[in-house]
């Protein structure tokens, strides 16, 4: 299901504005292995907030059991 309600005319206007011929052209720089091969299995009939919660819940499933510390932005010295 497409959650972006743009019609073909609006899509063409946006693509023309940025100078590309198709939406697929925007994804050409990405490696093939990171591109989706099929539509996401999002439950039908959900609101934007419900879809966002669905994906946040899926992301939390990836966090279970991980006890790592991020030193992002912590400088380049040794951390303990």
C-alpha atoms as a PDB file:
ATOM      1  CA  UNK A   1       0.000   0.000   0.000  1.00  0.00           C
ATOM      2  CA  UNK A   2       1.271   3.439  -0.884  1.00  0.00           C
ATOM      3  CA  UNK A   3       1.209   5.856   2.066  1.00  0.00           C
ATOM      4  CA  UNK A   4       2.227   8.893  -0.008  1.00  0.00           C
ATOM      5  CA  UNK A   5      -0.945  10.241  -1.651  1.00  0.00           C
ATOM      6  CA  UNK A   6       0.567  11.932  -4.716  1.00  0.00           C
ATOM      7  CA  UNK A   7      -1.010  11.511  -8.132  1.00  0.00           C
ATOM      8  CA  UNK A   8       1.028  11.008 -11.312  1.00  0.00           C
ATOM      9  CA  UNK A   9       0.824  14.714 -12.252  1.00  0.00           C
ATOM     10  CA  UNK A  10       2.209  15.842  -8.880  1.00  0.00           C
ATOM     11  CA  UNK A  11       4.972  13.218  -8.991  1.00  0.00           C
ATOM     12  CA  UNK A  12       6.004  14.392 -12.483  1.00  0.00           C
ATOM     13  CA  UNK A  13       6.077  18.021 -11.291  1.00  0.00           C
ATOM     14  CA  UNK A  14       8.355  17.109  -8.379  1.00  0.00           C
ATOM     15  CA  UNK A  15      10.688  15.022 -10.558  1.00  0.00           C
ATOM     16  CA  UNK A  16      10.868  17.811 -13.164  1.00  0.00           C
ATOM     17  CA  UNK A  17      11.698  20.314 -10.421  1.00  0.00           C
ATOM     18  CA  UNK A  18      14.772  18.294  -9.377  1.00  0.00           C
ATOM     19  CA  UNK A  19      15.726  17.296 -12.907  1.00  0.00           C
ATOM     20  CA  UNK A  20      15.247  13.516 -12.904  1.00  0.00           C
ATOM     21  CA  UNK A  21      13.089  11.363 -15.133  1.00  0.00           C
ATOM     22  CA  UNK A  22      11.767   8.813 -12.623  1.00  0.00           C
ATOM     23  CA  UNK A  23      11.605   7.916  -8.958  1.00  0.00           C
ATOM     24  CA  UNK A  24      13.779   4.876  -9.718  1.00  0.00           C
ATOM     25  CA  UNK A  25      16.500   7.266 -10.912  1.00  0.00           C
ATOM     26  CA  UNK A  26      16.737   8.629  -7.345  1.00  0.00           C
ATOM     27  CA  UNK A  27      17.730   5.180  -6.071  1.00  0.00           C
ATOM     28  CA  UNK A  28      20.385   4.378  -8.714  1.00  0.00           C
ATOM     29  CA  UNK A  29      23.339   5.315  -6.444  1.00  0.00           C
ATOM     30  CA  UNK A  30      22.250   2.755  -3.826  1.00  0.00           C
ATOM     31  CA  UNK A  31      23.678  -0.772  -3.888  1.00  0.00           C
ATOM     32  CA  UNK A  32      21.185  -3.364  -5.153  1.00  0.00           C
ATOM     33  CA  UNK A  33      21.389  -5.360  -1.904  1.00  0.00           C
ATOM     34  CA  UNK A  34      19.883  -2.528   0.185  1.00  0.00           C
ATOM     35  CA  UNK A  35      16.863  -1.975  -2.068  1.00  0.00           C
ATOM     36  CA  UNK A  36      13.502  -3.526  -1.196  1.00  0.00           C
ATOM     37  CA  UNK A  37      12.519  -6.431  -3.418  1.00  0.00           C
ATOM     38  CA  UNK A  38       8.819  -6.310  -2.450  1.00  0.00           C
ATOM     39  CA  UNK A  39       6.366  -4.043  -0.663  1.00  0.00           C
ATOM     40  CA  UNK A  40       6.585  -3.855   3.119  1.00  0.00           C
ATOM     41  CA  UNK A  41       3.928  -5.897   4.877  1.00  0.00           C
ATOM     42  CA  UNK A  42       2.246  -3.001   6.658  1.00  0.00           C
ATOM     43  CA  UNK A  43      -1.155  -3.868   8.124  1.00  0.00           C
ATOM     44  CA  UNK A  44      -3.960  -2.337   6.030  1.00  0.00           C
ATOM     45  CA  UNK A  45      -6.251   0.416   7.238  1.00  0.00           C
ATOM     46  CA  UNK A  46      -3.813   2.018   9.683  1.00  0.00           C
ATOM     47  CA  UNK A  47      -3.423   5.733  10.395  1.00  0.00           C
ATOM     48  CA  UNK A  48      -0.078   7.506  10.077  1.00  0.00           C
ATOM     49  CA  UNK A  49       0.412   7.300  13.845  1.00  0.00           C
ATOM     50  CA  UNK A  50      -0.378   3.582  13.887  1.00  0.00           C
ATOM     51  CA  UNK A  51       2.096   2.947  11.046  1.00  0.00           C
ATOM     52  CA  UNK A  52       4.772   4.946  12.863  1.00  0.00           C
ATOM     53  CA  UNK A  53       4.143   2.951  16.072  1.00  0.00           C
ATOM     54  CA  UNK A  54       4.290  -0.299  14.076  1.00  0.00           C
ATOM     55  CA  UNK A  55       7.779   0.561  12.792  1.00  0.00           C
ATOM     56  CA  UNK A  56       8.983   1.862  16.155  1.00  0.00           C
ATOM     57  CA  UNK A  57       7.875  -1.437  17.704  1.00  0.00           C
ATOM     58  CA  UNK A  58       9.767  -3.370  14.999  1.00  0.00           C
ATOM     59  CA  UNK A  59      12.870  -1.239  15.665  1.00  0.00           C
ATOM     60  CA  UNK A  60      12.639  -1.994  19.400  1.00  0.00           C
ATOM     61  CA  UNK A  61      12.715  -5.709  18.565  1.00  0.00           C
ATOM     62  CA  UNK A  62      16.207  -5.116  17.161  1.00  0.00           C
ATOM     63  CA  UNK A  63      17.366  -3.517  20.430  1.00  0.00           C
ATOM     64  CA  UNK A  64      16.539  -6.451  22.721  1.00  0.00           C
ATOM     65  CA  UNK A  65      19.596  -7.974  24.322  1.00  0.00           C
ATOM     66  CA  UNK A  66      21.969  -5.253  23.171  1.00  0.00           C
ATOM     67  CA  UNK A  67      23.937  -3.604  25.984  1.00  0.00           C
ATOM     68  CA  UNK A  68      26.384  -1.549  23.975  1.00  0.00           C
ATOM     69  CA  UNK A  69      27.572   1.936  24.774  1.00  0.00           C
ATOM     70  CA  UNK A  70      27.798   4.516  22.034  1.00  0.00           C
ATOM     71  CA  UNK A  71      30.759   6.880  22.123  1.00  0.00           C
ATOM     72  CA  UNK A  72      29.496   8.821  19.118  1.00  0.00           C
ATOM     73  CA  UNK A  73      30.725  12.367  19.538  1.00  0.00           C
ATOM     74  CA  UNK A  74      32.811  11.353  22.555  1.00  0.00           C
ATOM     75  CA  UNK A  75      36.139  12.465  21.126  1.00  0.00           C
ATOM     76  CA  UNK A  76      39.059  10.425  19.809  1.00  0.00           C
ATOM     77  CA  UNK A  77      40.664   9.416  23.095  1.00  0.00           C
ATOM     78  CA  UNK A  78      40.485   6.022  24.825  1.00  0.00           C
ATOM     79  CA  UNK A  79      37.156   5.187  26.498  1.00  0.00           C
ATOM     80  CA  UNK A  80      36.655   2.727  29.318  1.00  0.00           C
END
